[in-house]
């Protein structure tokens, strides 16, 4: 993060974490996006993780099946 990349690719970023640490990682990724304008491209199987995003694209068998339009996301706080 030192070089402030334009995009961060995150493949299952909370896959092996407990729920509290998972929330913290997702909040950190959200803060990178909000504070520095860094795009976060996250691949996940977790529906809960998608709540931290402002756009969700669903793929099935390599095909686009659903997408949500980009929207602003409210500030996320660790619960």
PDB file of N, CA and C in Angstrom:
ATOM      1  N   UNK A   1       0.814  -1.188   0.000  1.00  0.00           N
ATOM      2  CA  UNK A   1       0.000   0.000   0.000  1.00  0.00           C
ATOM      3  C   UNK A   1       0.865   1.263   0.000  1.00  0.00           C
ATOM      4  N   UNK A   2       2.136   1.079   0.210  1.00  0.00           N
ATOM      5  CA  UNK A   2       3.034   2.229   0.270  1.00  0.00           C
ATOM      6  C   UNK A   2       2.991   3.037  -1.018  1.00  0.00           C
ATOM      7  N   UNK A   3       2.918   2.360  -2.152  1.00  0.00           N
ATOM      8  CA  UNK A   3       2.938   3.048  -3.445  1.00  0.00           C
ATOM      9  C   UNK A   3       1.557   3.500  -3.910  1.00  0.00           C
ATOM     10  N   UNK A   4       0.550   3.320  -3.070  1.00  0.00           N
ATOM     11  CA  UNK A   4      -0.828   3.705  -3.387  1.00  0.00           C
ATOM     12  C   UNK A   4      -1.252   3.197  -4.762  1.00  0.00           C
ATOM     13  N   UNK A   5      -1.438   1.898  -4.888  1.00  0.00           N
ATOM     14  CA  UNK A   5      -1.852   1.353  -6.186  1.00  0.00           C
ATOM     15  C   UNK A   5      -3.242   1.837  -6.562  1.00  0.00           C
ATOM     16  N   UNK A   6      -3.549   1.804  -7.835  1.00  0.00           N
ATOM     17  CA  UNK A   6      -4.880   2.198  -8.289  1.00  0.00           C
ATOM     18  C   UNK A   6      -5.889   1.081  -8.050  1.00  0.00           C
ATOM     19  N   UNK A   7      -5.413  -0.174  -8.072  1.00  0.00           N
ATOM     20  CA  UNK A   7      -6.285  -1.333  -7.907  1.00  0.00           C
ATOM     21  C   UNK A   7      -5.621  -2.333  -6.957  1.00  0.00           C
ATOM     22  N   UNK A   8      -6.424  -2.912  -6.068  1.00  0.00           N
ATOM     23  CA  UNK A   8      -5.984  -4.013  -5.204  1.00  0.00           C
ATOM     24  C   UNK A   8      -6.850  -5.215  -5.561  1.00  0.00           C
ATOM     25  N   UNK A   9      -6.218  -6.332  -5.891  1.00  0.00           N
ATOM     26  CA  UNK A   9      -6.922  -7.567  -6.184  1.00  0.00           C
ATOM     27  C   UNK A   9      -6.936  -8.419  -4.924  1.00  0.00           C
ATOM     28  N   UNK A  10      -8.125  -8.791  -4.463  1.00  0.00           N
ATOM     29  CA  UNK A  10      -8.265  -9.545  -3.222  1.00  0.00           C
ATOM     30  C   UNK A  10      -9.059 -10.819  -3.500  1.00  0.00           C
ATOM     31  N   UNK A  11      -8.373 -11.957  -3.474  1.00  0.00           N
ATOM     32  CA  UNK A  11      -9.017 -13.248  -3.735  1.00  0.00           C
ATOM     33  C   UNK A  11      -9.334 -13.898  -2.400  1.00  0.00           C
ATOM     34  N   UNK A  12     -10.624 -13.944  -2.049  1.00  0.00           N
ATOM     35  CA  UNK A  12     -11.080 -14.498  -0.768  1.00  0.00           C
ATOM     36  C   UNK A  12     -10.262 -13.912   0.401  1.00  0.00           C
ATOM     37  N   UNK A  13     -10.290 -12.590   0.579  1.00  0.00           N
ATOM     38  CA  UNK A  13      -9.424 -11.957   1.580  1.00  0.00           C
ATOM     39  C   UNK A  13      -9.706 -12.357   3.021  1.00  0.00           C
ATOM     40  N   UNK A  14     -10.894 -12.904   3.296  1.00  0.00           N
ATOM     41  CA  UNK A  14     -11.181 -13.301   4.681  1.00  0.00           C
ATOM     42  C   UNK A  14     -11.462 -14.792   4.790  1.00  0.00           C
ATOM     43  N   UNK A  15     -11.040 -15.545   3.791  1.00  0.00           N
ATOM     44  CA  UNK A  15     -11.357 -16.959   3.698  1.00  0.00           C
ATOM     45  C   UNK A  15     -11.045 -17.792   4.939  1.00  0.00           C
ATOM     46  N   UNK A  16      -9.936 -17.553   5.600  1.00  0.00           N
ATOM     47  CA  UNK A  16      -9.542 -18.370   6.746  1.00  0.00           C
ATOM     48  C   UNK A  16      -9.505 -17.583   8.050  1.00  0.00           C
ATOM     49  N   UNK A  17     -10.232 -16.488   8.092  1.00  0.00           N
ATOM     50  CA  UNK A  17     -10.225 -15.655   9.291  1.00  0.00           C
ATOM     51  C   UNK A  17     -11.489 -15.870  10.113  1.00  0.00           C
ATOM     52  N   UNK A  18     -11.375 -15.620  11.409  1.00  0.00           N
ATOM     53  CA  UNK A  18     -12.573 -15.613  12.246  1.00  0.00           C
ATOM     54  C   UNK A  18     -13.391 -14.378  11.896  1.00  0.00           C
ATOM     55  N   UNK A  19     -14.638 -14.350  12.324  1.00  0.00           N
ATOM     56  CA  UNK A  19     -15.554 -13.289  11.897  1.00  0.00           C
ATOM     57  C   UNK A  19     -15.087 -11.892  12.299  1.00  0.00           C
ATOM     58  N   UNK A  20     -14.540 -11.718  13.476  1.00  0.00           N
ATOM     59  CA  UNK A  20     -14.106 -10.386  13.909  1.00  0.00           C
ATOM     60  C   UNK A  20     -12.944  -9.875  13.058  1.00  0.00           C
ATOM     61  N   UNK A  21     -11.940 -10.718  12.852  1.00  0.00           N
ATOM     62  CA  UNK A  21     -10.810 -10.295  12.021  1.00  0.00           C
ATOM     63  C   UNK A  21     -11.237 -10.107  10.577  1.00  0.00           C
ATOM     64  N   UNK A  22     -12.196 -10.903  10.120  1.00  0.00           N
ATOM     65  CA  UNK A  22     -12.727 -10.722   8.776  1.00  0.00           C
ATOM     66  C   UNK A  22     -13.375  -9.364   8.605  1.00  0.00           C
ATOM     67  N   UNK A  23     -14.154  -8.948   9.584  1.00  0.00           N
ATOM     68  CA  UNK A  23     -14.784  -7.626   9.537  1.00  0.00           C
ATOM     69  C   UNK A  23     -13.733  -6.522   9.506  1.00  0.00           C
ATOM     70  N   UNK A  24     -12.666  -6.701  10.258  1.00  0.00           N
ATOM     71  CA  UNK A  24     -11.607  -5.688  10.286  1.00  0.00           C
ATOM     72  C   UNK A  24     -10.906  -5.581   8.935  1.00  0.00           C
ATOM     73  N   UNK A  25     -10.639  -6.717   8.301  1.00  0.00           N
ATOM     74  CA  UNK A  25      -9.998  -6.696   6.984  1.00  0.00           C
ATOM     75  C   UNK A  25     -10.910  -6.016   5.967  1.00  0.00           C
ATOM     76  N   UNK A  26     -12.190  -6.357   5.967  1.00  0.00           N
ATOM     77  CA  UNK A  26     -13.124  -5.728   5.038  1.00  0.00           C
ATOM     78  C   UNK A  26     -13.245  -4.232   5.291  1.00  0.00           C
ATOM     79  N   UNK A  27     -13.227  -3.833   6.549  1.00  0.00           N
ATOM     80  CA  UNK A  27     -13.268  -2.402   6.879  1.00  0.00           C
ATOM     81  C   UNK A  27     -12.002  -1.700   6.378  1.00  0.00           C
ATOM     82  N   UNK A  28     -10.853  -2.347   6.514  1.00  0.00           N
ATOM     83  CA  UNK A  28      -9.601  -1.764   6.013  1.00  0.00           C
ATOM     84  C   UNK A  28      -9.643  -1.597   4.498  1.00  0.00           C
ATOM     85  N   UNK A  29     -10.142  -2.603   3.791  1.00  0.00           N
ATOM     86  CA  UNK A  29     -10.263  -2.488   2.339  1.00  0.00           C
ATOM     87  C   UNK A  29     -11.219  -1.355   1.973  1.00  0.00           C
ATOM     88  N   UNK A  30     -12.328  -1.256   2.699  1.00  0.00           N
ATOM     89  CA  UNK A  30     -13.271  -0.165   2.455  1.00  0.00           C
ATOM     90  C   UNK A  30     -12.650   1.194   2.688  1.00  0.00           C
ATOM     91  N   UNK A  31     -11.839   1.307   3.721  1.00  0.00           N
ATOM     92  CA  UNK A  31     -11.170   2.576   4.013  1.00  0.00           C
ATOM     93  C   UNK A  31     -10.166   2.938   2.927  1.00  0.00           C
ATOM     94  N   UNK A  32      -9.455   1.946   2.382  1.00  0.00           N
ATOM     95  CA  UNK A  32      -8.534   2.216   1.275  1.00  0.00           C
ATOM     96  C   UNK A  32      -9.286   2.805   0.088  1.00  0.00           C
ATOM     97  N   UNK A  33     -10.462   2.266  -0.162  1.00  0.00           N
ATOM     98  CA  UNK A  33     -11.280   2.760  -1.252  1.00  0.00           C
ATOM     99  C   UNK A  33     -11.772   4.168  -0.982  1.00  0.00           C
ATOM    100  N   UNK A  34     -12.325   4.387   0.194  1.00  0.00           N
ATOM    101  CA  UNK A  34     -12.924   5.688   0.504  1.00  0.00           C
ATOM    102  C   UNK A  34     -11.892   6.792   0.681  1.00  0.00           C
ATOM    103  N   UNK A  35     -10.810   6.512   1.392  1.00  0.00           N
ATOM    104  CA  UNK A  35      -9.839   7.558   1.708  1.00  0.00           C
ATOM    105  C   UNK A  35      -8.872   7.843   0.574  1.00  0.00           C
ATOM    106  N   UNK A  36      -8.499   6.804  -0.190  1.00  0.00           N
ATOM    107  CA  UNK A  36      -7.456   6.975  -1.195  1.00  0.00           C
ATOM    108  C   UNK A  36      -7.936   6.726  -2.618  1.00  0.00           C
ATOM    109  N   UNK A  37      -9.203   6.361  -2.780  1.00  0.00           N
ATOM    110  CA  UNK A  37      -9.734   6.137  -4.111  1.00  0.00           C
ATOM    111  C   UNK A  37      -9.208   4.877  -4.778  1.00  0.00           C
ATOM    112  N   UNK A  38      -8.690   3.959  -3.982  1.00  0.00           N
ATOM    113  CA  UNK A  38      -8.155   2.714  -4.527  1.00  0.00           C
ATOM    114  C   UNK A  38      -9.328   1.791  -4.858  1.00  0.00           C
ATOM    115  N   UNK A  39      -9.332   1.252  -6.065  1.00  0.00           N
ATOM    116  CA  UNK A  39     -10.349   0.288  -6.462  1.00  0.00           C
ATOM    117  C   UNK A  39      -9.994  -1.060  -5.861  1.00  0.00           C
ATOM    118  N   UNK A  40     -10.959  -1.700  -5.232  1.00  0.00           N
ATOM    119  CA  UNK A  40     -10.770  -3.025  -4.652  1.00  0.00           C
ATOM    120  C   UNK A  40     -11.569  -4.006  -5.499  1.00  0.00           C
ATOM    121  N   UNK A  41     -10.887  -4.968  -6.111  1.00  0.00           N
ATOM    122  CA  UNK A  41     -11.550  -6.023  -6.859  1.00  0.00           C
ATOM    123  C   UNK A  41     -11.451  -7.282  -6.018  1.00  0.00           C
ATOM    124  N   UNK A  42     -12.583  -7.666  -5.444  1.00  0.00           N
ATOM    125  CA  UNK A  42     -12.600  -8.777  -4.497  1.00  0.00           C
ATOM    126  C   UNK A  42     -13.407  -9.934  -5.070  1.00  0.00           C
ATOM    127  N   UNK A  43     -12.823 -11.122  -4.993  1.00  0.00           N
ATOM    128  CA  UNK A  43     -13.521 -12.347  -5.368  1.00  0.00           C
ATOM    129  C   UNK A  43     -13.870 -13.053  -4.067  1.00  0.00           C
ATOM    130  N   UNK A  44     -15.141 -13.429  -3.930  1.00  0.00           N
ATOM    131  CA  UNK A  44     -15.559 -14.072  -2.688  1.00  0.00           C
ATOM    132  C   UNK A  44     -16.753 -14.986  -2.917  1.00  0.00           C
ATOM    133  N   UNK A  45     -16.898 -15.960  -2.055  1.00  0.00           N
ATOM    134  CA  UNK A  45     -18.092 -16.795  -2.025  1.00  0.00           C
ATOM    135  C   UNK A  45     -19.007 -16.363  -0.873  1.00  0.00           C
ATOM    136  N   UNK A  46     -18.563 -15.382  -0.099  1.00  0.00           N
ATOM    137  CA  UNK A  46     -19.278 -14.945   1.094  1.00  0.00           C
ATOM    138  C   UNK A  46     -20.262 -13.821   0.773  1.00  0.00           C
ATOM    139  N   UNK A  47     -21.545 -14.086   0.952  1.00  0.00           N
ATOM    140  CA  UNK A  47     -22.557 -13.046   0.769  1.00  0.00           C
ATOM    141  C   UNK A  47     -22.342 -11.906   1.756  1.00  0.00           C
ATOM    142  N   UNK A  48     -21.895 -12.208   2.973  1.00  0.00           N
ATOM    143  CA  UNK A  48     -21.644 -11.164   3.966  1.00  0.00           C
ATOM    144  C   UNK A  48     -20.572 -10.187   3.481  1.00  0.00           C
ATOM    145  N   UNK A  49     -19.563 -10.699   2.795  1.00  0.00           N
ATOM    146  CA  UNK A  49     -18.497  -9.824   2.292  1.00  0.00           C
ATOM    147  C   UNK A  49     -19.017  -8.842   1.258  1.00  0.00           C
ATOM    148  N   UNK A  50     -20.028  -9.232   0.501  1.00  0.00           N
ATOM    149  CA  UNK A  50     -20.544  -8.340  -0.540  1.00  0.00           C
ATOM    150  C   UNK A  50     -21.231  -7.114   0.052  1.00  0.00           C
ATOM    151  N   UNK A  51     -21.595  -7.179   1.315  1.00  0.00           N
ATOM    152  CA  UNK A  51     -22.231  -6.025   1.967  1.00  0.00           C
ATOM    153  C   UNK A  51     -21.267  -4.853   2.116  1.00  0.00           C
ATOM    154  N   UNK A  52     -19.978  -5.114   1.969  1.00  0.00           N
ATOM    155  CA  UNK A  52     -18.967  -4.074   2.092  1.00  0.00           C
ATOM    156  C   UNK A  52     -18.612  -3.462   0.737  1.00  0.00           C
ATOM    157  N   UNK A  53     -19.308  -3.860  -0.301  1.00  0.00           N
ATOM    158  CA  UNK A  53     -18.977  -3.368  -1.635  1.00  0.00           C
ATOM    159  C   UNK A  53     -20.056  -2.426  -2.148  1.00  0.00           C
ATOM    160  N   UNK A  54     -19.703  -1.692  -3.192  1.00  0.00           N
ATOM    161  CA  UNK A  54     -20.697  -0.814  -3.792  1.00  0.00           C
ATOM    162  C   UNK A  54     -21.130  -1.314  -5.163  1.00  0.00           C
ATOM    163  N   UNK A  55     -20.571  -2.446  -5.578  1.00  0.00           N
ATOM    164  CA  UNK A  55     -21.001  -3.077  -6.826  1.00  0.00           C
ATOM    165  C   UNK A  55     -20.709  -4.563  -6.721  1.00  0.00           C
ATOM    166  N   UNK A  56     -21.681  -5.389  -7.101  1.00  0.00           N
ATOM    167  CA  UNK A  56     -21.528  -6.835  -7.032  1.00  0.00           C
ATOM    168  C   UNK A  56     -21.848  -7.421  -8.395  1.00  0.00           C
ATOM    169  N   UNK A  57     -20.977  -8.283  -8.863  1.00  0.00           N
ATOM    170  CA  UNK A  57     -21.183  -8.978 -10.131  1.00  0.00           C
ATOM    171  C   UNK A  57     -21.182 -10.470  -9.828  1.00  0.00           C
ATOM    172  N   UNK A  58     -22.265 -11.144 -10.165  1.00  0.00           N
ATOM    173  CA  UNK A  58     -22.389 -12.583  -9.925  1.00  0.00           C
ATOM    174  C   UNK A  58     -22.075 -13.342 -11.213  1.00  0.00           C
ATOM    175  N   UNK A  59     -21.210 -14.331 -11.084  1.00  0.00           N
ATOM    176  CA  UNK A  59     -20.881 -15.201 -12.204  1.00  0.00           C
ATOM    177  C   UNK A  59     -21.316 -16.618 -11.868  1.00  0.00           C
ATOM    178  N   UNK A  60     -21.775 -17.336 -12.876  1.00  0.00           N
ATOM    179  CA  UNK A  60     -22.095 -18.750 -12.708  1.00  0.00           C
ATOM    180  C   UNK A  60     -21.640 -19.465 -13.970  1.00  0.00           C
ATOM    181  N   UNK A  61     -20.828 -20.476 -13.776  1.00  0.00           N
ATOM    182  CA  UNK A  61     -20.277 -21.236 -14.902  1.00  0.00           C
ATOM    183  C   UNK A  61     -19.601 -20.317 -15.911  1.00  0.00           C
ATOM    184  N   UNK A  62     -18.912 -19.295 -15.403  1.00  0.00           N
ATOM    185  CA  UNK A  62     -18.169 -18.379 -16.259  1.00  0.00           C
ATOM    186  C   UNK A  62     -19.008 -17.350 -16.981  1.00  0.00           C
ATOM    187  N   UNK A  63     -20.284 -17.295 -16.679  1.00  0.00           N
ATOM    188  CA  UNK A  63     -21.187 -16.350 -17.340  1.00  0.00           C
ATOM    189  C   UNK A  63     -21.728 -15.323 -16.343  1.00  0.00           C
ATOM    190  N   UNK A  64     -21.878 -14.091 -16.804  1.00  0.00           N
ATOM    191  CA  UNK A  64     -22.483 -13.039 -15.994  1.00  0.00           C
ATOM    192  C   UNK A  64     -23.961 -13.346 -15.825  1.00  0.00           C
ATOM    193  N   UNK A  65     -24.419 -13.456 -14.580  1.00  0.00           N
ATOM    194  CA  UNK A  65     -25.831 -13.748 -14.338  1.00  0.00           C
ATOM    195  C   UNK A  65     -26.560 -12.602 -13.657  1.00  0.00           C
ATOM    196  N   UNK A  66     -25.841 -11.733 -12.973  1.00  0.00           N
ATOM    197  CA  UNK A  66     -26.494 -10.609 -12.297  1.00  0.00           C
ATOM    198  C   UNK A  66     -25.428  -9.598 -11.904  1.00  0.00           C
ATOM    199  N   UNK A  67     -25.792  -8.323 -11.963  1.00  0.00           N
ATOM    200  CA  UNK A  67     -24.899  -7.290 -11.441  1.00  0.00           C
ATOM    201  C   UNK A  67     -25.731  -6.176 -10.848  1.00  0.00           C
ATOM    202  N   UNK A  68     -25.152  -5.545  -9.866  1.00  0.00           N
ATOM    203  CA  UNK A  68     -25.815  -4.398  -9.265  1.00  0.00           C
ATOM    204  C   UNK A  68     -25.167  -3.134  -9.817  1.00  0.00           C
ATOM    205  N   UNK A  69     -25.916  -2.073  -9.993  1.00  0.00           N
ATOM    206  CA  UNK A  69     -25.310  -0.840 -10.472  1.00  0.00           C
ATOM    207  C   UNK A  69     -24.405  -0.256  -9.391  1.00  0.00           C
ATOM    208  N   UNK A  70     -23.371   0.483  -9.800  1.00  0.00           N
ATOM    209  CA  UNK A  70     -22.515   1.121  -8.798  1.00  0.00           C
ATOM    210  C   UNK A  70     -23.324   2.092  -7.953  1.00  0.00           C
ATOM    211  N   UNK A  71     -23.121   2.052  -6.666  1.00  0.00           N
ATOM    212  CA  UNK A  71     -23.781   2.981  -5.740  1.00  0.00           C
ATOM    213  C   UNK A  71     -22.772   3.432  -4.715  1.00  0.00           C
ATOM    214  N   UNK A  72     -23.044   4.541  -4.071  1.00  0.00           N
ATOM    215  CA  UNK A  72     -22.213   4.989  -2.972  1.00  0.00           C
ATOM    216  C   UNK A  72     -22.432   4.088  -1.773  1.00  0.00           C
ATOM    217  N   UNK A  73     -21.376   3.844  -1.004  1.00  0.00           N
ATOM    218  CA  UNK A  73     -21.544   3.018   0.198  1.00  0.00           C
ATOM    219  C   UNK A  73     -21.375   3.895   1.428  1.00  0.00           C
ATOM    220  N   UNK A  74     -22.175   3.643   2.429  1.00  0.00           N
ATOM    221  CA  UNK A  74     -22.028   4.415   3.670  1.00  0.00           C
ATOM    222  C   UNK A  74     -20.747   4.013   4.382  1.00  0.00           C
ATOM    223  N   UNK A  75     -20.312   4.838   5.295  1.00  0.00           N
ATOM    224  CA  UNK A  75     -19.143   4.490   6.092  1.00  0.00           C
ATOM    225  C   UNK A  75     -19.410   3.199   6.842  1.00  0.00           C
ATOM    226  N   UNK A  76     -18.470   2.295   6.802  1.00  0.00           N
ATOM    227  CA  UNK A  76     -18.614   1.003   7.473  1.00  0.00           C
ATOM    228  C   UNK A  76     -17.871   1.067   8.797  1.00  0.00           C
ATOM    229  N   UNK A  77     -18.508   0.601   9.826  1.00  0.00           N
ATOM    230  CA  UNK A  77     -17.884   0.549  11.123  1.00  0.00           C
ATOM    231  C   UNK A  77     -17.819  -0.898  11.564  1.00  0.00           C
ATOM    232  N   UNK A  78     -16.751  -1.241  12.235  1.00  0.00           N
ATOM    233  CA  UNK A  78     -16.596  -2.603  12.734  1.00  0.00           C
ATOM    234  C   UNK A  78     -17.573  -2.809  13.879  1.00  0.00           C
ATOM    235  N   UNK A  79     -18.412  -3.832  13.737  1.00  0.00           N
ATOM    236  CA  UNK A  79     -19.417  -4.110  14.767  1.00  0.00           C
ATOM    237  C   UNK A  79     -18.911  -5.129  15.752  1.00  0.00           C
TER     238      UNK A  79
END
